[in-house]
Amino acid sequence: MALVHAVLIFLHVAPPNAISKRYSQQINAWVYPLFEQNWRLFAPDPESVNRQILARTAHTAPDGSVQVSPWFDLNAVDDDAVEHNVFPSHTTQNMLRRAWSSYLETHGGDDRPRSERALMMEKYLRNIAAQRVASLRQGAFESIQLRVLTLPIAAPGRAAAQRPALPAPTAQTAQTAPAAPAAPVDTRNLPWWKVTSHAN
């Protein structure tokens, strides 16, 4: 199995060739999302914004009414785990952020998956959110929705004064978004997703 893994990773990172082109679907199915390789360790691409990812759940009560939970800050859980851990794991620091980045790459702005990889990244993001909410909140739920607030990173010192002013938040954003340290540049509500019973 180790040899198969090494060969598939090699074919993924190697320059395009006849074998990697012919078996690209199988190679990608093995590599994504857990074994993705990139060069960011050597040429990092720092974030220019912070993203706050929140989740809320919905549950159908016995009387047929739908109960929607308050928004739950998934980033705060990760930040707390990193802050109070001398050796935080790569998973704690990057799993949610990378899942969202991959979702953006495959879905664009309309939240419609157009490939098998897009469907996989949607499921990956949904499962991360559902598992984290289920581990910290009591009660079952059948659906989950994510909200992503894009927040500016303040420039240090005098450079902050030279930055262009941010657009004012809309009335809807001001009423529904949780308190944040800076006005969101963008608020994106994803569609409601059904979750399987094992995610609760």
C-alpha atoms as a PDB file:
ATOM      1  CA  MET A   1       0.000   0.000   0.000  1.00  0.00           C
ATOM      2  CA  ALA A   2       2.875   2.369   0.812  1.00  0.00           C
ATOM      3  CA  LEU A   3       4.338   1.764  -2.646  1.00  0.00           C
ATOM      4  CA  VAL A   4       0.989   2.511  -4.333  1.00  0.00           C
ATOM      5  CA  HIS A   5       0.667   5.719  -2.299  1.00  0.00           C
ATOM      6  CA  ALA A   6       4.215   6.821  -3.227  1.00  0.00           C
ATOM      7  CA  VAL A   7       3.608   6.156  -6.928  1.00  0.00           C
ATOM      8  CA  LEU A   8       0.289   8.066  -6.955  1.00  0.00           C
ATOM      9  CA  ILE A   9       1.817  11.060  -5.143  1.00  0.00           C
ATOM     10  CA  PHE A  10       4.789  11.011  -7.528  1.00  0.00           C
ATOM     11  CA  LEU A  11       2.480  11.015 -10.551  1.00  0.00           C
ATOM     12  CA  HIS A  12       0.506  13.897  -9.000  1.00  0.00           C
ATOM     13  CA  VAL A  13       3.546  16.167  -8.489  1.00  0.00           C
ATOM     14  CA  ALA A  14       5.492  15.102 -11.594  1.00  0.00           C
ATOM     15  CA  PRO A  15       5.263  17.148 -14.795  1.00  0.00           C
ATOM     16  CA  PRO A  16       2.329  16.080 -16.988  1.00  0.00           C
ATOM     17  CA  ASN A  17       3.045  12.859 -18.819  1.00  0.00           C
ATOM     18  CA  ALA A  18       1.143  10.120 -20.653  1.00  0.00           C
ATOM     19  CA  ILE A  19       0.519   8.058 -17.510  1.00  0.00           C
ATOM     20  CA  SER A  20      -0.607  10.948 -15.286  1.00  0.00           C
ATOM     21  CA  LYS A  21      -2.907  12.244 -18.039  1.00  0.00           C
ATOM     22  CA  ARG A  22      -4.466   8.843 -18.684  1.00  0.00           C
ATOM     23  CA  TYR A  23      -5.070   8.082 -15.006  1.00  0.00           C
ATOM     24  CA  SER A  24      -5.688  11.639 -13.762  1.00  0.00           C
ATOM     25  CA  GLN A  25      -9.147  10.798 -12.406  1.00  0.00           C
ATOM     26  CA  GLN A  26      -7.839   7.923 -10.273  1.00  0.00           C
ATOM     27  CA  ILE A  27      -4.796   9.928  -9.133  1.00  0.00           C
ATOM     28  CA  ASN A  28      -6.929  12.911  -8.101  1.00  0.00           C
ATOM     29  CA  ALA A  29      -9.402  10.668  -6.292  1.00  0.00           C
ATOM     30  CA  TRP A  30      -6.536   9.331  -4.175  1.00  0.00           C
ATOM     31  CA  VAL A  31      -4.744  12.654  -3.588  1.00  0.00           C
ATOM     32  CA  TYR A  32      -7.609  15.054  -2.798  1.00  0.00           C
ATOM     33  CA  PRO A  33      -8.319  16.323  -0.232  1.00  0.00           C
ATOM     34  CA  LEU A  34      -6.011  14.565   2.246  1.00  0.00           C
ATOM     35  CA  PHE A  35      -2.728  14.220   0.359  1.00  0.00           C
ATOM     36  CA  GLU A  36      -2.638  17.408  -1.688  1.00  0.00           C
ATOM     37  CA  GLN A  37       0.883  18.560  -2.556  1.00  0.00           C
ATOM     38  CA  ASN A  38       1.921  22.138  -3.250  1.00  0.00           C
ATOM     39  CA  TRP A  39       4.922  24.429  -2.988  1.00  0.00           C
ATOM     40  CA  ARG A  40       3.535  26.870  -0.422  1.00  0.00           C
ATOM     41  CA  LEU A  41       6.035  25.702   2.191  1.00  0.00           C
ATOM     42  CA  PHE A  42       8.787  27.254   0.050  1.00  0.00           C
ATOM     43  CA  ALA A  43       6.830  30.133  -1.462  1.00  0.00           C
ATOM     44  CA  PRO A  44       3.981  30.905   0.922  1.00  0.00           C
ATOM     45  CA  ASP A  45       0.996  32.874  -0.257  1.00  0.00           C
ATOM     46  CA  PRO A  46      -0.032  34.835   2.837  1.00  0.00           C
ATOM     47  CA  GLU A  47      -3.674  35.621   3.372  1.00  0.00           C
ATOM     48  CA  SER A  48      -4.669  39.203   2.599  1.00  0.00           C
ATOM     49  CA  VAL A  49      -7.956  38.878   4.525  1.00  0.00           C
ATOM     50  CA  ASN A  50      -9.264  36.978   7.520  1.00  0.00           C
ATOM     51  CA  ARG A  51     -12.296  34.776   7.110  1.00  0.00           C
ATOM     52  CA  GLN A  52     -14.676  34.063   9.951  1.00  0.00           C
ATOM     53  CA  ILE A  53     -16.665  30.888   9.279  1.00  0.00           C
ATOM     54  CA  LEU A  54     -19.889  30.433  11.215  1.00  0.00           C
ATOM     55  CA  ALA A  55     -22.426  27.620  11.186  1.00  0.00           C
ATOM     56  CA  ARG A  56     -26.021  27.180  12.246  1.00  0.00           C
ATOM     57  CA  THR A  57     -28.154  24.065  12.264  1.00  0.00           C
ATOM     58  CA  ALA A  58     -31.803  23.215  11.689  1.00  0.00           C
ATOM     59  CA  HIS A  59     -33.840  20.472  13.329  1.00  0.00           C
ATOM     60  CA  THR A  60     -37.425  19.436  12.665  1.00  0.00           C
ATOM     61  CA  ALA A  61     -39.332  19.089  15.946  1.00  0.00           C
ATOM     62  CA  PRO A  62     -41.967  16.351  16.513  1.00  0.00           C
ATOM     63  CA  ASP A  63     -44.735  18.903  15.883  1.00  0.00           C
ATOM     64  CA  GLY A  64     -43.281  19.640  12.429  1.00  0.00           C
ATOM     65  CA  SER A  65     -41.808  23.050  13.246  1.00  0.00           C
ATOM     66  CA  VAL A  66     -38.241  23.787  12.177  1.00  0.00           C
ATOM     67  CA  GLN A  67     -35.906  24.979  14.926  1.00  0.00           C
ATOM     68  CA  VAL A  68     -32.875  26.968  13.767  1.00  0.00           C
ATOM     69  CA  SER A  69     -29.920  27.389  16.109  1.00  0.00           C
ATOM     70  CA  PRO A  70     -27.967  30.614  16.647  1.00  0.00           C
ATOM     71  CA  TRP A  71     -24.770  31.092  14.631  1.00  0.00           C
ATOM     72  CA  PHE A  72     -21.781  29.170  15.985  1.00  0.00           C
ATOM     73  CA  ASP A  73     -18.240  30.501  15.351  1.00  0.00           C
ATOM     74  CA  LEU A  74     -16.116  27.631  14.018  1.00  0.00           C
ATOM     75  CA  ASN A  75     -12.987  29.796  13.790  1.00  0.00           C
ATOM     76  CA  ALA A  76     -13.210  30.661  17.482  1.00  0.00           C
ATOM     77  CA  VAL A  77     -12.979  26.964  18.354  1.00  0.00           C
ATOM     78  CA  ASP A  78      -9.845  26.590  16.208  1.00  0.00           C
ATOM     79  CA  ASP A  79      -8.300  29.797  17.563  1.00  0.00           C
ATOM     80  CA  ASP A  80      -8.894  28.659  21.135  1.00  0.00           C
ATOM     81  CA  ALA A  81      -7.312  25.262  20.432  1.00  0.00           C
ATOM     82  CA  VAL A  82      -4.227  26.903  18.914  1.00  0.00           C
ATOM     83  CA  GLU A  83      -3.876  29.574  21.597  1.00  0.00           C
ATOM     84  CA  HIS A  84      -3.848  27.106  24.495  1.00  0.00           C
ATOM     85  CA  ASN A  85      -1.663  24.466  22.876  1.00  0.00           C
ATOM     86  CA  VAL A  86       2.126  24.647  22.866  1.00  0.00           C
ATOM     87  CA  PHE A  87       2.277  22.347  19.823  1.00  0.00           C
ATOM     88  CA  PRO A  88      -0.961  22.881  17.857  1.00  0.00           C
ATOM     89  CA  SER A  89      -1.597  20.396  15.092  1.00  0.00           C
ATOM     90  CA  HIS A  90      -1.642  21.249  11.414  1.00  0.00           C
ATOM     91  CA  THR A  91      -5.240  20.033  11.386  1.00  0.00           C
ATOM     92  CA  THR A  92      -6.305  22.522  14.053  1.00  0.00           C
ATOM     93  CA  GLN A  93      -4.584  25.397  12.320  1.00  0.00           C
ATOM     94  CA  ASN A  94      -5.441  24.735   8.693  1.00  0.00           C
ATOM     95  CA  MET A  95      -8.199  22.190   8.057  1.00  0.00           C
ATOM     96  CA  LEU A  96     -11.136  24.589   8.054  1.00  0.00           C
ATOM     97  CA  ARG A  97      -9.231  27.342   6.228  1.00  0.00           C
ATOM     98  CA  ARG A  98      -7.991  24.989   3.509  1.00  0.00           C
ATOM     99  CA  ALA A  99     -11.425  23.393   3.127  1.00  0.00           C
ATOM    100  CA  TRP A 100     -12.917  26.848   2.503  1.00  0.00           C
ATOM    101  CA  SER A 101     -10.135  27.816   0.064  1.00  0.00           C
ATOM    102  CA  SER A 102     -10.686  24.609  -1.906  1.00  0.00           C
ATOM    103  CA  TYR A 103     -14.442  25.192  -1.895  1.00  0.00           C
ATOM    104  CA  LEU A 104     -13.895  28.689  -3.338  1.00  0.00           C
ATOM    105  CA  GLU A 105     -11.587  27.345  -6.038  1.00  0.00           C
ATOM    106  CA  THR A 106     -14.116  24.744  -7.180  1.00  0.00           C
ATOM    107  CA  HIS A 107     -17.414  26.627  -6.744  1.00  0.00           C
ATOM    108  CA  GLY A 108     -16.727  30.237  -7.654  1.00  0.00           C
ATOM    109  CA  GLY A 109     -19.360  32.707  -6.513  1.00  0.00           C
ATOM    110  CA  ASP A 110     -22.610  30.849  -7.126  1.00  0.00           C
ATOM    111  CA  ASP A 111     -22.171  27.764  -4.862  1.00  0.00           C
ATOM    112  CA  ARG A 112     -22.889  25.350  -7.721  1.00  0.00           C
ATOM    113  CA  PRO A 113     -20.539  22.369  -8.054  1.00  0.00           C
ATOM    114  CA  ARG A 114     -19.531  21.714 -11.647  1.00  0.00           C
ATOM    115  CA  SER A 115     -17.216  18.739 -11.206  1.00  0.00           C
ATOM    116  CA  GLU A 116     -16.664  15.645  -9.107  1.00  0.00           C
ATOM    117  CA  ARG A 117     -13.912  17.467  -7.234  1.00  0.00           C
ATOM    118  CA  ALA A 118     -16.286  20.346  -6.463  1.00  0.00           C
ATOM    119  CA  LEU A 119     -18.823  17.895  -5.021  1.00  0.00           C
ATOM    120  CA  MET A 120     -16.082  16.283  -2.950  1.00  0.00           C
ATOM    121  CA  MET A 121     -14.875  19.638  -1.570  1.00  0.00           C
ATOM    122  CA  GLU A 122     -18.467  20.621  -0.723  1.00  0.00           C
ATOM    123  CA  LYS A 123     -18.940  17.365   1.185  1.00  0.00           C
ATOM    124  CA  TYR A 124     -15.560  17.816   2.897  1.00  0.00           C
ATOM    125  CA  LEU A 125     -16.437  21.335   4.115  1.00  0.00           C
ATOM    126  CA  ARG A 126     -19.930  20.243   5.191  1.00  0.00           C
ATOM    127  CA  ASN A 127     -18.589  17.271   7.156  1.00  0.00           C
ATOM    128  CA  ILE A 128     -15.957  19.366   8.956  1.00  0.00           C
ATOM    129  CA  ALA A 129     -18.608  21.874  10.029  1.00  0.00           C
ATOM    130  CA  ALA A 130     -21.151  19.214  11.037  1.00  0.00           C
ATOM    131  CA  GLN A 131     -18.633  17.220  13.077  1.00  0.00           C
ATOM    132  CA  ARG A 132     -17.364  20.292  14.910  1.00  0.00           C
ATOM    133  CA  VAL A 133     -20.844  21.547  15.736  1.00  0.00           C
ATOM    134  CA  ALA A 134     -21.991  18.052  16.823  1.00  0.00           C
ATOM    135  CA  SER A 135     -18.990  17.642  19.129  1.00  0.00           C
ATOM    136  CA  LEU A 136     -19.659  20.920  20.943  1.00  0.00           C
ATOM    137  CA  ARG A 137     -23.460  21.199  20.956  1.00  0.00           C
ATOM    138  CA  GLN A 138     -26.102  18.859  22.277  1.00  0.00           C
ATOM    139  CA  GLY A 139     -28.997  17.712  20.137  1.00  0.00           C
ATOM    140  CA  ALA A 140     -29.546  16.295  16.679  1.00  0.00           C
ATOM    141  CA  PHE A 141     -29.855  18.302  13.487  1.00  0.00           C
ATOM    142  CA  GLU A 142     -30.677  17.487   9.889  1.00  0.00           C
ATOM    143  CA  SER A 143     -29.296  20.522   8.066  1.00  0.00           C
ATOM    144  CA  ILE A 144     -26.403  22.916   8.393  1.00  0.00           C
ATOM    145  CA  GLN A 145     -25.688  26.317   6.851  1.00  0.00           C
ATOM    146  CA  LEU A 146     -22.405  28.218   6.739  1.00  0.00           C
ATOM    147  CA  ARG A 147     -21.819  31.952   6.708  1.00  0.00           C
ATOM    148  CA  VAL A 148     -18.408  33.331   5.785  1.00  0.00           C
ATOM    149  CA  LEU A 149     -17.441  36.859   6.760  1.00  0.00           C
ATOM    150  CA  THR A 150     -14.427  38.250   4.930  1.00  0.00           C
ATOM    151  CA  LEU A 151     -12.659  40.717   7.197  1.00  0.00           C
ATOM    152  CA  PRO A 152      -9.782  43.061   6.290  1.00  0.00           C
ATOM    153  CA  ILE A 153      -6.364  42.575   7.848  1.00  0.00           C
ATOM    154  CA  ALA A 154      -5.321  45.892   9.345  1.00  0.00           C
ATOM    155  CA  ALA A 155      -2.104  47.292   7.925  1.00  0.00           C
ATOM    156  CA  PRO A 156       0.594  48.077  10.479  1.00  0.00           C
ATOM    157  CA  GLY A 157       1.462  51.652  11.439  1.00  0.00           C
ATOM    158  CA  ARG A 158       1.157  54.446   8.899  1.00  0.00           C
ATOM    159  CA  ALA A 159       0.250  52.104   6.058  1.00  0.00           C
ATOM    160  CA  ALA A 160      -3.198  51.717   7.624  1.00  0.00           C
ATOM    161  CA  ALA A 161      -3.974  55.387   7.038  1.00  0.00           C
ATOM    162  CA  GLN A 162      -3.112  55.053   3.329  1.00  0.00           C
ATOM    163  CA  ARG A 163      -5.550  52.185   2.733  1.00  0.00           C
ATOM    164  CA  PRO A 164      -8.764  53.003   0.888  1.00  0.00           C
ATOM    165  CA  ALA A 165     -11.881  53.118   3.031  1.00  0.00           C
ATOM    166  CA  LEU A 166     -13.864  49.888   3.257  1.00  0.00           C
ATOM    167  CA  PRO A 167     -17.434  49.767   1.982  1.00  0.00           C
ATOM    168  CA  ALA A 168     -19.991  50.241   4.717  1.00  0.00           C
ATOM    169  CA  PRO A 169     -21.868  47.082   5.731  1.00  0.00           C
ATOM    170  CA  THR A 170     -25.416  46.792   4.438  1.00  0.00           C
ATOM    171  CA  ALA A 171     -28.378  47.070   6.797  1.00  0.00           C
ATOM    172  CA  GLN A 172     -28.961  43.323   6.516  1.00  0.00           C
ATOM    173  CA  THR A 173     -25.319  42.573   7.416  1.00  0.00           C
ATOM    174  CA  ALA A 174     -25.464  44.917  10.382  1.00  0.00           C
ATOM    175  CA  GLN A 175     -28.597  43.229  11.728  1.00  0.00           C
ATOM    176  CA  THR A 176     -27.687  39.581  11.200  1.00  0.00           C
ATOM    177  CA  ALA A 177     -23.904  39.285  11.379  1.00  0.00           C
ATOM    178  CA  PRO A 178     -22.241  38.589  14.731  1.00  0.00           C
ATOM    179  CA  ALA A 179     -19.990  41.207  16.239  1.00  0.00           C
ATOM    180  CA  ALA A 180     -16.608  41.318  14.513  1.00  0.00           C
ATOM    181  CA  PRO A 181     -13.454  43.359  15.112  1.00  0.00           C
ATOM    182  CA  ALA A 182     -13.757  45.027  11.704  1.00  0.00           C
ATOM    183  CA  ALA A 183     -16.559  45.679   9.248  1.00  0.00           C
ATOM    184  CA  PRO A 184     -16.909  42.733   6.860  1.00  0.00           C
ATOM    185  CA  VAL A 185     -15.894  43.403   3.270  1.00  0.00           C
ATOM    186  CA  ASP A 186     -18.116  40.517   2.194  1.00  0.00           C
ATOM    187  CA  THR A 187     -20.746  38.305   3.841  1.00  0.00           C
ATOM    188  CA  ARG A 188     -21.549  35.066   2.069  1.00  0.00           C
ATOM    189  CA  ASN A 189     -24.362  32.752   3.129  1.00  0.00           C
ATOM    190  CA  LEU A 190     -24.063  29.261   1.706  1.00  0.00           C
ATOM    191  CA  PRO A 191     -27.141  27.137   0.971  1.00  0.00           C
ATOM    192  CA  TRP A 192     -28.592  24.814   3.594  1.00  0.00           C
ATOM    193  CA  TRP A 193     -27.000  21.363   3.337  1.00  0.00           C
ATOM    194  CA  LYS A 194     -28.531  18.114   4.520  1.00  0.00           C
ATOM    195  CA  VAL A 195     -26.302  16.136   6.875  1.00  0.00           C
ATOM    196  CA  THR A 196     -26.283  12.396   7.336  1.00  0.00           C
ATOM    197  CA  SER A 197     -27.216  10.848  10.674  1.00  0.00           C
ATOM    198  CA  HIS A 198     -23.637   9.825  11.447  1.00  0.00           C
ATOM    199  CA  ALA A 199     -22.601  13.513  11.456  1.00  0.00           C
ATOM    200  CA  ASN A 200     -24.683  14.205  14.584  1.00  0.00           C
END
